[in-house]
Protein backbone atom coordinates (compact mmCIF):
# COMPACT_ATOMS: atom_id res chain seq x y z
CA MET A 1 169.24 206.69 93.32
CA TYR A 2 170.14 204.01 90.81
CA ALA A 3 173.52 203.43 92.40
CA GLN A 4 171.99 202.73 95.75
CA ARG A 5 169.50 200.24 94.31
CA TYR A 6 172.31 198.41 92.53
CA ASP A 7 174.44 198.15 95.58
CA GLY A 8 171.63 196.78 97.72
CA GLY A 9 170.94 194.01 95.22
CA GLY A 10 174.51 192.88 95.05
CA LYS A 11 174.68 192.38 98.76
CA ARG A 12 171.62 190.14 98.79
CA LYS A 13 173.05 187.93 96.01
CA SER A 14 176.31 187.54 97.91
CA VAL A 15 174.48 186.41 101.04
CA GLY A 16 172.40 183.86 99.13
CA LEU A 17 175.40 182.39 97.36
CA GLY A 18 177.29 182.02 100.57
CA ALA A 19 174.38 180.22 102.19
CA ALA A 20 174.15 177.74 99.30
CA ILE A 21 177.85 177.02 99.48
CA ALA A 22 177.61 176.45 103.21
CA VAL A 23 174.71 173.96 102.77
CA ASN A 24 176.57 172.02 100.08
CA ALA A 25 179.69 171.92 102.20
CA GLY A 26 177.70 170.56 105.11
CA LEU A 27 176.16 167.85 102.94
CA VAL A 28 179.59 166.86 101.63
CA ALA A 29 180.93 166.67 105.16
CA LEU A 30 177.93 164.55 106.25
CA LEU A 31 178.42 162.13 103.38
CA MET A 32 182.10 161.76 104.12
CA THR A 33 181.43 161.00 107.78
CA THR A 34 178.64 158.44 107.10
CA GLY A 35 180.43 156.71 104.20
CA VAL A 36 177.31 156.79 101.97
CA VAL A 37 178.18 157.42 98.35
CA PRO A 38 175.31 158.86 96.37
CA PRO A 39 174.31 156.70 93.37
CA ILE A 40 175.46 157.81 90.02
CA MET A 41 172.55 157.97 87.64
CA GLN A 42 173.37 156.34 84.30
CA PRO A 43 171.51 157.59 81.30
CA ASP A 44 169.15 155.09 79.61
CA LYS A 45 170.58 153.32 76.57
CA PRO A 46 168.73 153.70 73.32
CA LEU A 47 166.31 150.78 72.42
CA ILE A 48 167.55 148.93 69.38
CA THR A 49 164.96 146.87 67.48
CA GLU A 50 165.54 144.31 64.72
CA ASN A 51 163.02 143.21 62.10
CA ILE A 52 162.95 139.36 61.92
CA PRO A 53 161.08 138.04 58.88
CA LEU A 54 158.34 135.38 59.51
CA ASP A 55 158.93 131.85 58.16
CA LEU A 56 155.66 130.87 56.45
CA THR A 57 156.96 127.51 55.17
CA PRO A 58 154.68 124.61 56.44
CA PRO A 59 156.39 122.12 58.73
CA PRO A 60 157.43 118.80 57.17
CA GLU A 61 155.07 115.86 57.58
CA PRO A 62 156.04 113.36 60.28
CA ILE A 63 157.72 110.22 59.07
CA GLU A 64 155.75 107.11 60.11
CA GLN A 65 157.95 104.77 62.04
CA PRO A 66 157.59 101.04 61.31
CA ARG A 67 155.63 99.16 63.99
CA VAL A 68 157.64 96.69 65.96
CA ASP A 69 155.67 94.01 67.81
CA ARG A 70 156.77 93.35 71.29
CA VAL A 71 157.98 89.81 71.77
CA GLU A 72 157.20 88.38 75.15
CA PRO A 73 160.08 86.41 76.60
CA SER A 74 159.38 82.70 76.84
CA PRO A 75 158.87 81.46 80.39
CA ALA A 76 161.61 79.54 82.02
CA PRO A 77 161.11 75.77 81.87
CA LEU A 78 159.55 74.24 84.97
CA PRO A 79 161.45 71.59 86.89
CA PHE A 80 158.51 69.23 86.32
CA THR A 81 155.84 68.72 83.66
CA PRO A 82 152.35 69.54 85.01
CA GLU A 83 149.51 67.20 84.13
CA PRO A 84 146.97 68.64 81.70
CA VAL A 85 143.75 69.85 83.27
CA VAL A 86 140.69 68.23 81.71
CA ASP A 87 137.27 69.83 82.26
CA LEU A 88 134.86 67.01 83.04
CA PRO A 89 131.21 67.64 82.11
CA MET A 90 128.91 68.19 85.07
CA PRO A 91 126.28 65.46 85.42
CA ALA A 92 122.78 66.60 84.55
CA PRO A 93 120.37 66.78 87.50
CA ASP A 94 118.15 63.78 87.89
CA MET A 95 114.62 65.01 87.12
CA THR A 96 112.97 61.58 87.25
CA THR A 97 110.40 60.90 89.91
CA THR A 98 110.83 57.76 91.92
CA MET A 99 107.61 56.04 92.92
CA ILE A 100 107.77 53.66 95.84
CA LEU A 101 105.36 50.81 95.21
CA PRO A 102 104.32 48.23 97.75
CA PRO A 103 106.11 44.92 97.44
CA LEU A 104 104.47 42.38 95.18
CA PRO A 105 103.13 39.21 96.75
CA PRO A 106 105.36 36.17 96.33
CA LEU A 107 104.71 33.97 93.35
CA PRO A 108 102.90 30.75 94.13
CA VAL A 109 105.08 27.67 94.18
CA PRO A 110 103.77 24.99 91.85
CA SER A 111 102.93 21.70 93.49
CA SER A 112 105.24 18.78 92.93
CA GLY A 113 102.42 16.65 91.50
CA THR A 114 101.87 18.93 88.49
CA GLY A 115 102.75 17.04 85.28
CA MET A 116 104.28 18.46 82.10
CA GLY A 117 101.98 18.52 79.11
CA SER A 118 102.65 19.05 75.43
CA GLY A 119 102.13 22.79 75.81
CA GLY A 120 104.69 23.18 78.58
CA GLY A 121 104.34 23.32 82.33
CA ALA A 122 100.88 23.81 83.72
CA ALA A 123 100.24 27.34 85.06
CA ALA A 124 99.94 27.50 88.81
CA ALA A 125 96.53 28.57 90.04
CA GLU A 126 96.48 32.12 91.44
CA PRO A 127 95.37 32.40 95.06
CA THR A 128 91.77 33.50 95.46
CA PRO A 129 91.43 36.83 97.33
CA PRO A 130 89.42 36.72 100.54
CA ALA A 131 85.71 37.18 100.07
CA LEU A 132 84.14 40.52 100.99
CA VAL A 133 81.50 40.33 103.70
CA GLY A 134 79.13 43.27 103.25
CA ALA A 135 78.09 45.68 105.99
CA SER A 136 74.91 45.06 107.91
CA ILE A 137 72.70 47.05 110.28
CA ASP A 138 73.86 47.00 113.87
CA PRO A 139 70.96 45.34 115.76
CA ARG A 140 71.52 47.70 118.69
CA PHE A 141 70.51 50.69 116.51
CA ALA A 142 67.93 49.00 114.28
CA GLY A 143 65.03 51.02 115.80
CA ALA A 144 66.72 54.37 115.06
CA PHE A 145 66.89 54.14 111.27
CA GLN A 146 63.58 55.82 110.38
CA PRO A 147 63.95 59.63 110.26
CA ASP A 148 61.32 61.95 111.73
CA TYR A 149 58.71 63.15 109.27
CA PRO A 150 59.50 66.72 108.19
CA ALA A 151 56.74 69.13 109.28
CA ALA A 152 56.56 70.84 105.86
CA GLU A 153 56.19 67.49 104.10
CA ARG A 154 53.50 66.42 106.57
CA ARG A 155 51.52 69.62 106.02
CA ALA A 156 51.77 69.06 102.29
CA GLU A 157 50.60 65.49 102.86
CA ARG A 158 53.52 64.25 100.76
CA GLU A 159 54.35 60.55 101.00
CA GLY A 160 56.91 58.50 99.13
CA ARG A 161 60.10 56.51 99.04
CA VAL A 162 63.70 57.68 99.40
CA VAL A 163 66.61 55.57 98.11
CA VAL A 164 70.16 56.52 99.13
CA ARG A 165 73.70 55.10 98.92
CA VAL A 166 75.77 55.43 102.08
CA LEU A 167 79.52 55.03 102.57
CA ILE A 168 80.13 53.03 105.75
CA GLY A 169 83.48 53.46 107.46
CA ILE A 170 85.48 50.84 109.33
CA ASP A 171 83.93 52.12 112.57
CA GLY A 172 80.39 51.46 111.29
CA ARG A 173 79.44 55.15 110.97
CA VAL A 174 78.11 56.75 107.78
CA GLN A 175 80.78 58.83 106.06
CA ALA A 176 78.77 60.10 103.05
CA VAL A 177 75.21 59.97 101.66
CA GLU A 178 74.28 60.05 97.95
CA GLN A 179 70.75 60.38 96.57
CA VAL A 180 69.53 57.64 94.25
CA SER A 181 65.90 58.72 94.15
CA ALA A 182 63.54 60.75 96.34
CA VAL A 183 59.97 61.94 96.08
CA SER A 184 61.01 65.42 97.27
CA PRO A 185 64.15 67.25 98.29
CA GLY A 186 62.77 67.74 101.80
CA LEU A 187 62.45 64.00 102.43
CA PHE A 188 65.97 63.34 101.08
CA GLU A 189 67.50 66.08 103.27
CA ALA A 190 65.77 64.65 106.36
CA THR A 191 67.14 61.20 105.48
CA ARG A 192 70.70 62.51 104.88
CA ARG A 193 70.91 64.35 108.20
CA HIS A 194 69.47 61.39 110.13
CA ALA A 195 71.83 58.87 108.47
CA LEU A 196 74.96 60.89 109.29
CA ALA A 197 73.90 61.35 112.91
CA ARG A 198 72.11 58.12 113.94
CA TRP A 199 72.75 55.20 111.60
CA ARG A 200 75.19 52.52 112.80
CA PHE A 201 76.37 49.42 110.93
CA LYS A 202 78.65 46.49 111.32
CA PRO A 203 81.41 47.36 108.82
CA ALA A 204 82.23 45.18 105.88
CA THR A 205 85.23 42.88 106.23
CA ARG A 206 87.70 41.23 103.87
CA GLY A 207 89.58 38.35 105.38
CA GLY A 208 88.39 39.42 108.82
CA VAL A 209 89.75 43.00 108.39
CA PRO A 210 87.20 45.90 108.45
CA VAL A 211 87.04 47.87 105.21
CA GLU A 212 84.96 50.76 103.88
CA SER A 213 82.01 49.86 101.67
CA TRP A 214 78.93 51.34 100.03
CA LYS A 215 75.39 50.14 100.86
CA THR A 216 72.01 51.09 99.35
CA MET A 217 69.22 51.86 101.78
CA THR A 218 65.49 52.38 101.05
CA LEU A 219 63.12 54.24 103.37
CA ARG A 220 59.37 54.94 103.11
CA PHE A 221 57.59 57.99 104.46
CA VAL A 222 53.92 57.21 105.12
CA LEU A 223 51.40 59.50 106.87
CA SER A 224 49.61 57.78 109.70
CA ALA A 225 45.81 57.50 109.42
CA GLY A 226 43.57 59.74 111.47
């Protein structure tokens, strides 16, 4: 029994070995036909380390280099000498106010008959300005100077006198009315309104030229009897 078992095992080992040889031979033949050479694995070299000591010496201090100022090259001389530029001061603005006055009248010419006294030449007499002719009531409006009696003053039975100053323009109309005296404000207000609306004058003149002037006027308010 043992001999048979041994023989059977030897046959199986022979078959397996032959198959392995056949596979290897096929691989060798394939490699030879394709020209591919399998890489040869090199074993890793051992890692060699070296202990390098640390240099703990501080670095030397930097040496300060001397400072060298840069010298700008001098400009090339110009073919001509430029004139120096002088800054002139700006004139200050004129802040004065110019007043235009009317021309003065010409000086009088002394007469040839004036003699020379011990005190020098006699002063020429200044011309006399034209006389002012005051304003007067225009006769055409003389009957319209008395104002109407105010109703409130009439009911109060208040009588009296009103004195006013009026500014007469060059057209003869009243430009302004000022109170000098009045017995009541009501009578003055009636006079002021009437003067501005109805009073007419011949304007004052100087040398024949109409001018404005002031004139004082007096009015009386009297209640009629009965």
